[in-house]
Amino acid sequence: MVTGLFMRVALRAAMLAAAALPPFAMWCADDTSTGVFRRDVRTLSVRNPDNFMAPPLVRLGTSDRIFINFDIIGEQHEYLRYRLVHCNADWQPSRLVDSEFLDGFNEGEIEDYAYSSNTFVHYVNYNLELPNRDMQPLVSGNYLVQVYPEGEPDDVMLQARFSVTENSMGVEGGVTSRTDRGFNTEYQQLSFAVDASGMDVLNPYQDFVVTIMQNNRPETMRVLTHPMRVEGKVAVFEHDPALVYNAGDEYRRFETVRADYAGMHTDSVKFGGSNWHAYLSPDSPRAGRDYVFDSTQHGRFMIDEYNSSDPDLGADYVTVHFTLDAPEVIGGDVYVDGDFALHRFSDSNRMRYDYGTRLYTAEIPLKQGSYNYQYVVVPKGGGVPDASPIEGNKYETRNEYLVQVFLRTPGARADRLVGTALFSL
């Protein structure tokens, strides 16, 4: 009996070590960004099951749905519950009560779970589909789903953003490298028009709130509250400094679809300790270099394992070793960023500078699959994350821009999401 207990404890410790679980941020009620707040929760994704490249968005009153998927390292299933928070355009909670934005009780159980199969690192995979038979959003807007252990509603372990749109207004426009800051230089600029025909908009100059985000990165979100001009029922947004973005560069890519084989951008693989390790080819700064076209997924990742019929359960956790051959960045820290990191910056994805080798390195446990990533600099003491110092800015870069149009009428207690569009160069 005692021997069995020690074996279980040792096995649990080995799995945690293999997953190399990093320090984690504590949940704060003021934080409404997608994030994980428990160190054994991994690989959180919010995805459209029918379209890998679609944003986390459903149309009100349709059969659209999204999947929120994640793992908990270990062998024991946990009883988890979830709730929804209705938010305004700025992702702060609206003044609606639960019964005004939701059909059903605002608490549900996550019943869809399964255990990993034939993996060195054991985990339990959970999947939540929204909307579902228990929870149907009644109004449009931004939504935050929060997951917590049963009986502990104040102990949020993860949260994820998604949006519900009415699509009652058309949004037409595009992106160009001919910008107010230069022609084919380092910037890209948006212009678009919102058609309010068929809707009762009292004051188009004051009733719209428009948000724009580049490549699903929260730090790039811009907010516009006034169009440049109104032509009848059409509000035109153009020639506004907030519509000009750094162009950046294409995301870097690698694959670990097969753990025992060196895949895309991987120098070597080996089994060490209790799991596989993948050593990526060394990277170098691209700022100042010419643009090289690559068809990337704008920061997304896809879980995959070459021999598994269900990669969510058959993909293992591989320790991925990143190397960046670059001079030390004075006054800032370098991070590996992408959707896999939830665009958060912590010790889990921060790179260390080795003064002996003059290299930046990081080791991140990632589930097998195909990944996009880039190197981002965050000023010490806080500031806006910026990929430009390492990745540079090339006007040819294929970026995605998600435009969301909210209606904020006088006296309303919540913003309505009435139109969306996804633009790319």
Protein backbone atom coordinates (compact mmCIF):
# COMPACT_ATOMS: atom_id res chain seq x y z
CA MET A 1 0.00 0.00 0.00
CA VAL A 2 2.74 2.46 1.01
CA THR A 3 4.85 1.44 -1.95
CA GLY A 4 1.91 2.05 -4.30
CA LEU A 5 1.36 5.49 -2.78
CA PHE A 6 4.99 6.45 -3.28
CA MET A 7 4.84 5.22 -6.87
CA ARG A 8 1.80 7.39 -7.58
CA VAL A 9 3.47 10.43 -6.00
CA ALA A 10 6.63 9.78 -7.99
CA LEU A 11 4.66 9.38 -11.21
CA ARG A 12 2.81 12.63 -10.61
CA ALA A 13 6.10 14.46 -9.93
CA ALA A 14 7.63 13.02 -13.10
CA MET A 15 4.69 14.19 -15.22
CA LEU A 16 4.88 17.70 -13.80
CA ALA A 17 8.61 17.80 -14.41
CA ALA A 18 8.18 16.56 -17.98
CA ALA A 19 5.62 19.27 -18.68
CA ALA A 20 8.04 21.81 -17.16
CA LEU A 21 5.15 23.73 -15.72
CA PRO A 22 6.14 27.40 -15.29
CA PRO A 23 5.10 29.95 -12.69
CA PHE A 24 1.62 31.32 -13.36
CA ALA A 25 -0.26 34.57 -12.86
CA MET A 26 -3.01 34.77 -10.26
CA TRP A 27 -6.47 35.62 -11.54
CA CYS A 28 -7.58 39.20 -11.00
CA ALA A 29 -11.20 40.29 -11.43
CA ASP A 30 -10.05 43.35 -13.41
CA ASP A 31 -8.23 41.16 -15.94
CA THR A 32 -10.55 40.22 -18.81
CA SER A 33 -7.96 38.94 -21.27
CA THR A 34 -7.79 35.32 -22.34
CA GLY A 35 -5.49 33.62 -19.86
CA VAL A 36 -4.57 30.66 -17.67
CA PHE A 37 -4.20 31.05 -13.91
CA ARG A 38 -3.21 27.57 -12.77
CA ARG A 39 0.16 26.03 -13.50
CA ASP A 40 -1.11 22.60 -14.59
CA VAL A 41 -3.55 24.00 -17.18
CA ARG A 42 -2.05 23.95 -20.67
CA THR A 43 -2.83 24.49 -24.38
CA LEU A 44 -5.88 26.69 -24.08
CA SER A 45 -7.44 27.34 -27.48
CA VAL A 46 -10.61 29.07 -28.67
CA ARG A 47 -11.50 27.87 -32.15
CA ASN A 48 -14.18 27.62 -34.77
CA PRO A 49 -14.60 23.85 -35.39
CA ASP A 50 -15.55 24.45 -39.02
CA ASN A 51 -12.91 27.02 -39.95
CA PHE A 52 -9.45 26.98 -38.40
CA MET A 53 -8.69 30.51 -39.61
CA ALA A 54 -11.93 32.11 -38.38
CA PRO A 55 -11.89 34.45 -35.36
CA PRO A 56 -13.69 33.39 -32.13
CA LEU A 57 -17.01 34.77 -33.29
CA VAL A 58 -20.57 33.42 -33.61
CA ARG A 59 -23.60 34.98 -35.28
CA LEU A 60 -26.58 35.55 -33.04
CA GLY A 61 -29.49 33.22 -33.71
CA THR A 62 -27.54 30.81 -35.95
CA SER A 63 -25.98 27.37 -35.47
CA ASP A 64 -22.50 28.89 -35.23
CA ARG A 65 -20.39 27.60 -32.36
CA ILE A 66 -16.93 27.75 -30.90
CA PHE A 67 -14.87 25.18 -28.98
CA ILE A 68 -12.86 26.08 -25.89
CA ASN A 69 -10.29 23.32 -25.45
CA PHE A 70 -7.59 22.81 -22.82
CA ASP A 71 -5.57 20.19 -20.93
CA ILE A 72 -4.90 19.64 -17.24
CA ILE A 73 -1.63 17.81 -16.63
CA GLY A 74 -2.16 14.67 -14.54
CA GLU A 75 -4.29 11.55 -14.48
CA GLN A 76 -7.31 12.63 -12.46
CA HIS A 77 -10.47 14.11 -13.92
CA GLU A 78 -11.71 17.26 -12.17
CA TYR A 79 -15.28 18.51 -11.90
CA LEU A 80 -15.25 21.90 -13.58
CA ARG A 81 -17.92 24.53 -14.04
CA TYR A 82 -18.14 27.69 -16.12
CA ARG A 83 -20.02 30.98 -16.39
CA LEU A 84 -20.31 33.80 -18.91
CA VAL A 85 -19.65 37.52 -18.43
CA HIS A 86 -21.18 39.97 -20.90
CA CYS A 87 -18.73 42.75 -21.80
CA ASN A 88 -18.78 46.05 -23.66
CA ALA A 89 -16.50 46.97 -26.56
CA ASP A 90 -13.60 47.60 -24.14
CA TRP A 91 -13.99 44.10 -22.63
CA GLN A 92 -15.18 45.48 -19.31
CA PRO A 93 -18.39 43.93 -17.87
CA SER A 94 -21.61 45.55 -19.05
CA ARG A 95 -24.47 46.49 -16.75
CA LEU A 96 -26.74 43.69 -17.94
CA VAL A 97 -27.85 41.07 -15.42
CA ASP A 98 -27.57 37.39 -16.31
CA SER A 99 -31.21 36.97 -17.32
CA GLU A 100 -30.91 39.84 -19.82
CA PHE A 101 -28.09 38.34 -21.87
CA LEU A 102 -28.48 34.61 -21.28
CA ASP A 103 -31.19 31.98 -21.78
CA GLY A 104 -30.54 29.55 -18.91
CA PHE A 105 -28.71 29.56 -15.61
CA ASN A 106 -25.31 31.21 -15.69
CA GLU A 107 -23.47 28.16 -14.45
CA GLY A 108 -22.75 25.00 -16.38
CA GLU A 109 -20.72 21.84 -16.03
CA ILE A 110 -17.96 20.83 -18.44
CA GLU A 111 -18.98 17.27 -19.25
CA ASP A 112 -16.85 16.64 -22.34
CA TYR A 113 -13.47 15.29 -21.21
CA ALA A 114 -11.14 12.40 -22.05
CA TYR A 115 -7.75 11.03 -20.99
CA SER A 116 -4.59 11.23 -23.07
CA SER A 117 -3.61 8.06 -24.91
CA ASN A 118 -0.09 6.63 -25.34
CA THR A 119 1.66 9.79 -24.18
CA PHE A 120 4.65 10.14 -21.88
CA VAL A 121 3.08 13.20 -20.25
CA HIS A 122 -0.38 12.26 -19.01
CA TYR A 123 -3.20 14.79 -19.13
CA VAL A 124 -6.96 15.14 -19.23
CA ASN A 125 -8.39 17.03 -22.20
CA TYR A 126 -11.52 19.16 -21.73
CA ASN A 127 -13.75 20.65 -24.39
CA LEU A 128 -16.55 23.19 -24.00
CA GLU A 129 -18.91 24.02 -26.87
CA LEU A 130 -20.66 27.40 -26.91
CA PRO A 131 -23.50 28.13 -27.38
CA ASN A 132 -25.00 24.88 -26.06
CA ARG A 133 -28.34 23.53 -24.83
CA ASP A 134 -27.73 24.97 -21.36
CA MET A 135 -26.49 28.43 -22.35
CA GLN A 136 -27.74 30.50 -25.26
CA PRO A 137 -26.68 34.16 -25.55
CA LEU A 138 -29.69 36.43 -26.03
CA VAL A 139 -27.86 39.57 -27.09
CA SER A 140 -24.80 40.45 -29.12
CA GLY A 141 -21.55 41.73 -27.68
CA ASN A 142 -18.28 40.51 -26.21
CA TYR A 143 -18.37 37.51 -23.89
CA LEU A 144 -15.88 36.13 -21.40
CA VAL A 145 -16.17 32.49 -20.34
CA GLN A 146 -14.61 31.69 -16.96
CA VAL A 147 -13.82 28.14 -15.79
CA TYR A 148 -13.45 27.19 -12.13
CA PRO A 149 -13.45 24.06 -9.94
CA GLU A 150 -16.84 22.90 -8.74
CA GLY A 151 -17.80 24.69 -5.53
CA GLU A 152 -15.08 27.33 -5.91
CA PRO A 153 -16.53 30.10 -8.13
CA ASP A 154 -13.94 32.64 -6.95
CA ASP A 155 -11.04 30.41 -8.00
CA VAL A 156 -10.97 31.10 -11.76
CA MET A 157 -8.44 28.77 -13.38
CA LEU A 158 -8.79 30.05 -16.95
CA GLN A 159 -10.85 32.44 -19.03
CA ALA A 160 -11.33 32.99 -22.75
CA ARG A 161 -12.81 35.68 -24.96
CA PHE A 162 -15.31 35.26 -27.78
CA SER A 163 -17.89 37.50 -29.45
CA VAL A 164 -21.50 37.26 -30.59
CA THR A 165 -22.46 39.46 -33.55
CA GLU A 166 -25.77 40.51 -35.06
CA ASN A 167 -24.12 41.29 -38.41
CA SER A 168 -26.93 43.77 -39.00
CA MET A 169 -24.56 46.34 -40.51
CA GLY A 170 -22.29 45.83 -43.47
CA VAL A 171 -18.59 46.66 -43.12
CA GLU A 172 -16.63 47.16 -46.35
CA GLY A 173 -13.02 48.25 -46.70
CA GLY A 174 -9.46 47.03 -46.88
CA VAL A 175 -5.77 47.44 -46.05
CA THR A 176 -3.08 49.18 -48.05
CA SER A 177 0.62 49.95 -47.78
CA ARG A 178 -0.08 53.43 -49.18
CA THR A 179 -0.36 55.15 -45.84
CA ASP A 180 -0.48 58.64 -44.38
CA ARG A 181 3.03 57.96 -43.03
CA GLY A 182 4.61 56.88 -46.29
CA PHE A 183 4.25 54.79 -49.45
CA ASN A 184 5.41 51.15 -49.24
CA THR A 185 7.59 51.72 -46.19
CA GLU A 186 7.01 50.04 -42.80
CA TYR A 187 3.31 50.68 -42.25
CA GLN A 188 -0.12 49.46 -43.26
CA GLN A 189 -3.33 51.49 -43.10
CA LEU A 190 -7.00 50.54 -42.94
CA SER A 191 -10.03 52.33 -44.33
CA PHE A 192 -13.60 51.09 -44.16
CA ALA A 193 -17.24 52.13 -44.23
CA VAL A 194 -20.12 51.02 -42.00
CA ASP A 195 -23.52 50.83 -43.68
CA ALA A 196 -26.31 51.50 -41.16
CA SER A 197 -29.14 51.24 -43.68
CA GLY A 198 -32.15 49.54 -42.15
CA MET A 199 -31.18 50.43 -38.58
CA ASP A 200 -32.26 53.35 -36.44
CA VAL A 201 -29.00 55.12 -35.66
CA LEU A 202 -29.72 58.52 -34.16
CA ASN A 203 -26.23 59.99 -34.37
CA PRO A 204 -23.61 58.12 -36.45
CA TYR A 205 -20.94 60.53 -35.18
CA GLN A 206 -21.49 59.44 -31.57
CA ASP A 207 -23.27 56.07 -31.49
CA PHE A 208 -20.50 53.89 -32.96
CA VAL A 209 -17.57 52.33 -31.13
CA VAL A 210 -15.18 50.50 -33.48
CA THR A 211 -12.36 48.22 -32.32
CA ILE A 212 -9.51 46.95 -34.52
CA MET A 213 -7.01 44.24 -33.68
CA GLN A 214 -4.04 42.97 -35.68
CA ASN A 215 -3.41 39.20 -35.72
CA ASN A 216 -5.50 38.60 -32.58
CA ARG A 217 -2.95 40.42 -30.41
CA PRO A 218 -4.67 42.32 -27.57
CA GLU A 219 -1.91 44.91 -27.32
CA THR A 220 -2.69 46.06 -30.87
CA MET A 221 -6.34 46.89 -30.18
CA ARG A 222 -7.36 50.38 -31.30
CA VAL A 223 -10.67 52.08 -30.47
CA LEU A 224 -12.41 54.63 -32.70
CA THR A 225 -15.47 56.55 -31.50
CA HIS A 226 -16.01 58.96 -34.40
CA PRO A 227 -16.03 58.41 -38.18
CA MET A 228 -14.26 60.88 -40.43
CA ARG A 229 -17.49 61.62 -42.25
CA VAL A 230 -21.04 60.35 -42.74
CA GLU A 231 -22.63 59.95 -46.16
CA GLY A 232 -26.31 59.35 -45.64
CA LYS A 233 -26.47 56.14 -43.61
CA VAL A 234 -22.82 55.23 -44.24
CA ALA A 235 -20.13 56.11 -41.69
CA VAL A 236 -16.65 56.32 -43.24
CA PHE A 237 -13.51 55.64 -41.20
CA GLU A 238 -10.27 56.67 -42.88
CA HIS A 239 -7.19 58.89 -42.55
CA ASP A 240 -7.13 58.45 -38.78
CA PRO A 241 -3.75 57.89 -37.02
CA ALA A 242 -5.34 54.96 -35.17
CA LEU A 243 -5.82 53.20 -38.51
CA VAL A 244 -2.06 53.08 -39.21
CA TYR A 245 -0.22 49.97 -37.95
CA ASN A 246 3.36 48.76 -37.94
CA ALA A 247 3.52 46.17 -40.72
CA GLY A 248 5.66 43.66 -38.82
CA ASP A 249 6.89 40.53 -40.58
CA GLU A 250 5.50 37.07 -41.27
CA TYR A 251 5.40 34.72 -38.31
CA ARG A 252 8.12 32.11 -37.95
CA ARG A 253 7.03 28.46 -38.04
CA PHE A 254 7.97 25.02 -36.72
CA GLU A 255 6.40 21.58 -36.44
CA THR A 256 6.60 18.78 -33.87
CA VAL A 257 3.98 16.56 -35.49
CA ARG A 258 6.33 13.61 -35.04
CA ALA A 259 8.20 13.71 -31.72
CA ASP A 260 11.02 11.36 -32.81
CA TYR A 261 11.73 13.13 -36.09
CA ALA A 262 13.18 16.56 -36.80
CA GLY A 263 10.36 18.36 -38.59
CA MET A 264 10.06 21.86 -40.02
CA HIS A 265 12.65 24.29 -38.60
CA THR A 266 13.94 21.65 -36.16
CA ASP A 267 17.63 20.76 -35.96
CA SER A 268 17.34 17.69 -33.78
CA VAL A 269 15.14 15.75 -31.37
CA LYS A 270 16.00 13.49 -28.46
CA PHE A 271 14.34 11.75 -25.57
CA GLY A 272 15.58 13.06 -22.24
CA GLY A 273 14.31 12.70 -18.69
CA SER A 274 10.73 11.60 -19.16
CA ASN A 275 9.70 13.25 -22.45
CA TRP A 276 10.86 14.28 -25.92
CA HIS A 277 12.83 17.45 -26.64
CA ALA A 278 12.87 19.37 -29.92
CA TYR A 279 15.78 21.73 -30.63
CA LEU A 280 14.77 24.36 -33.17
CA SER A 281 17.19 25.76 -35.72
CA PRO A 282 18.76 28.95 -34.35
CA ASP A 283 16.91 32.15 -35.26
CA SER A 284 18.38 35.58 -35.93
CA PRO A 285 16.92 39.09 -36.10
CA ARG A 286 15.09 40.03 -39.31
CA ALA A 287 14.95 43.80 -38.76
CA GLY A 288 16.72 45.46 -41.66
CA ARG A 289 16.44 42.42 -43.92
CA ASP A 290 14.38 42.22 -47.08
CA TYR A 291 10.91 40.72 -46.92
CA VAL A 292 10.58 37.01 -47.68
CA PHE A 293 7.09 35.73 -48.45
CA ASP A 294 5.74 32.89 -46.34
CA SER A 295 2.17 31.63 -46.01
CA THR A 296 1.64 31.58 -42.24
CA GLN A 297 -1.39 31.31 -39.98
CA HIS A 298 -1.04 34.79 -38.43
CA GLY A 299 0.13 33.45 -35.07
CA ARG A 300 -2.17 30.44 -34.74
CA PHE A 301 -1.23 26.89 -33.77
CA MET A 302 -2.78 23.51 -34.58
CA ILE A 303 -2.44 20.42 -32.41
CA ASP A 304 -1.43 17.41 -34.51
CA GLU A 305 0.29 14.04 -34.19
CA TYR A 306 1.09 12.08 -37.32
CA ASN A 307 -0.13 8.71 -36.02
CA SER A 308 -3.17 9.74 -34.01
CA SER A 309 -6.82 9.74 -35.07
CA ASP A 310 -7.57 12.28 -32.32
CA PRO A 311 -4.59 14.62 -31.78
CA ASP A 312 -6.29 16.33 -28.82
CA LEU A 313 -5.72 13.06 -26.94
CA GLY A 314 -2.82 11.47 -28.80
CA ALA A 315 -0.41 14.42 -29.05
CA ASP A 316 2.33 14.43 -26.40
CA TYR A 317 4.05 17.34 -24.69
CA VAL A 318 7.46 18.11 -26.18
CA THR A 319 9.95 20.51 -24.60
CA VAL A 320 10.75 22.95 -27.41
CA HIS A 321 14.14 24.69 -27.23
CA PHE A 322 14.26 28.15 -28.83
CA THR A 323 17.53 29.92 -29.67
CA LEU A 324 17.85 33.52 -30.83
CA ASP A 325 21.28 34.70 -31.98
CA ALA A 326 20.97 38.40 -31.19
CA PRO A 327 22.73 41.04 -29.10
CA GLU A 328 21.28 41.66 -25.66
CA VAL A 329 18.35 44.05 -25.75
CA ILE A 330 19.12 46.83 -23.28
CA GLY A 331 16.09 48.04 -21.34
CA GLY A 332 13.78 45.23 -22.42
CA ASP A 333 13.03 41.52 -22.12
CA VAL A 334 12.58 39.21 -25.09
CA TYR A 335 9.64 36.79 -25.23
CA VAL A 336 8.48 34.05 -27.57
CA ASP A 337 4.96 35.06 -28.59
CA GLY A 338 2.05 33.56 -30.51
CA ASP A 339 -1.46 32.30 -29.89
CA PHE A 340 0.03 29.37 -27.96
CA ALA A 341 1.27 31.87 -25.34
CA LEU A 342 -2.13 33.62 -25.28
CA HIS A 343 -0.19 36.83 -26.03
CA ARG A 344 0.78 37.11 -22.39
CA PHE A 345 4.31 37.79 -21.21
CA SER A 346 5.59 35.93 -18.15
CA ASP A 347 8.44 33.67 -17.08
CA SER A 348 6.80 30.84 -19.02
CA ASN A 349 7.77 32.39 -22.39
CA ARG A 350 10.56 34.81 -21.44
CA MET A 351 13.99 34.20 -22.98
CA ARG A 352 17.24 34.19 -21.00
CA TYR A 353 20.39 35.86 -22.30
CA ASP A 354 23.61 33.86 -21.93
CA TYR A 355 26.62 36.18 -21.76
CA GLY A 356 28.97 33.27 -22.53
CA THR A 357 27.34 32.17 -25.78
CA ARG A 358 25.73 35.55 -26.50
CA LEU A 359 22.47 33.79 -27.28
CA TYR A 360 18.91 34.08 -26.06
CA THR A 361 17.35 30.74 -25.13
CA ALA A 362 14.01 29.46 -23.86
CA GLU A 363 12.54 26.01 -23.20
CA ILE A 364 8.76 25.79 -23.49
CA PRO A 365 6.68 22.60 -23.13
CA LEU A 366 4.25 22.53 -26.06
CA LYS A 367 1.79 19.93 -27.25
CA GLN A 368 2.73 18.35 -30.57
CA GLY A 369 1.57 20.26 -33.60
CA SER A 370 2.27 23.13 -35.99
CA TYR A 371 3.10 26.51 -34.48
CA ASN A 372 3.54 30.14 -35.48
CA TYR A 373 5.72 32.35 -33.31
CA GLN A 374 7.70 35.58 -33.21
CA TYR A 375 10.08 37.38 -30.87
CA VAL A 376 8.64 40.33 -28.95
CA VAL A 377 10.40 42.92 -26.78
CA VAL A 378 8.68 44.21 -23.65
CA PRO A 379 10.24 47.27 -21.97
CA LYS A 380 11.47 46.62 -18.45
CA GLY A 381 9.06 48.03 -15.92
CA GLY A 382 6.14 47.61 -18.31
CA GLY A 383 5.13 49.04 -21.64
CA VAL A 384 3.67 48.07 -24.98
CA PRO A 385 5.08 44.80 -26.39
CA ASP A 386 6.78 45.34 -29.74
CA ALA A 387 8.11 42.82 -32.26
CA SER A 388 9.76 45.51 -34.40
CA PRO A 389 13.25 45.51 -32.78
CA ILE A 390 13.79 41.86 -33.76
CA GLU A 391 11.30 41.07 -36.53
CA GLY A 392 11.33 44.47 -38.28
CA ASN A 393 8.52 46.00 -40.35
CA LYS A 394 7.89 45.11 -44.00
CA TYR A 395 4.94 46.62 -45.82
CA GLU A 396 4.37 43.37 -47.79
CA THR A 397 3.51 41.35 -44.65
CA ARG A 398 0.17 39.51 -44.82
CA ASN A 399 -1.52 40.62 -41.60
CA GLU A 400 -5.10 40.05 -40.47
CA TYR A 401 -7.20 42.90 -39.07
CA LEU A 402 -10.41 42.15 -37.20
CA VAL A 403 -12.81 45.11 -37.26
CA GLN A 404 -15.79 45.03 -34.89
CA VAL A 405 -18.50 47.68 -34.90
CA PHE A 406 -20.48 48.27 -31.72
CA LEU A 407 -23.60 50.38 -31.28
CA ARG A 408 -23.61 52.44 -28.07
CA THR A 409 -26.80 54.46 -27.91
CA PRO A 410 -27.57 57.02 -25.16
CA GLY A 411 -29.00 55.36 -22.07
CA ALA A 412 -28.13 51.82 -23.17
CA ARG A 413 -26.70 49.51 -20.53
CA ALA A 414 -24.57 47.49 -22.92
CA ASP A 415 -22.83 47.75 -26.29
CA ARG A 416 -24.32 45.78 -29.21
CA LEU A 417 -21.98 44.15 -31.71
CA VAL A 418 -23.67 44.97 -35.00
CA GLY A 419 -21.00 44.36 -37.62
CA THR A 420 -17.66 42.58 -38.15
CA ALA A 421 -15.11 42.22 -40.92
CA LEU A 422 -11.74 40.52 -41.32
CA PHE A 423 -9.33 42.37 -43.64
CA SER A 424 -5.89 41.36 -44.86
CA LEU A 425 -3.37 42.92 -47.21
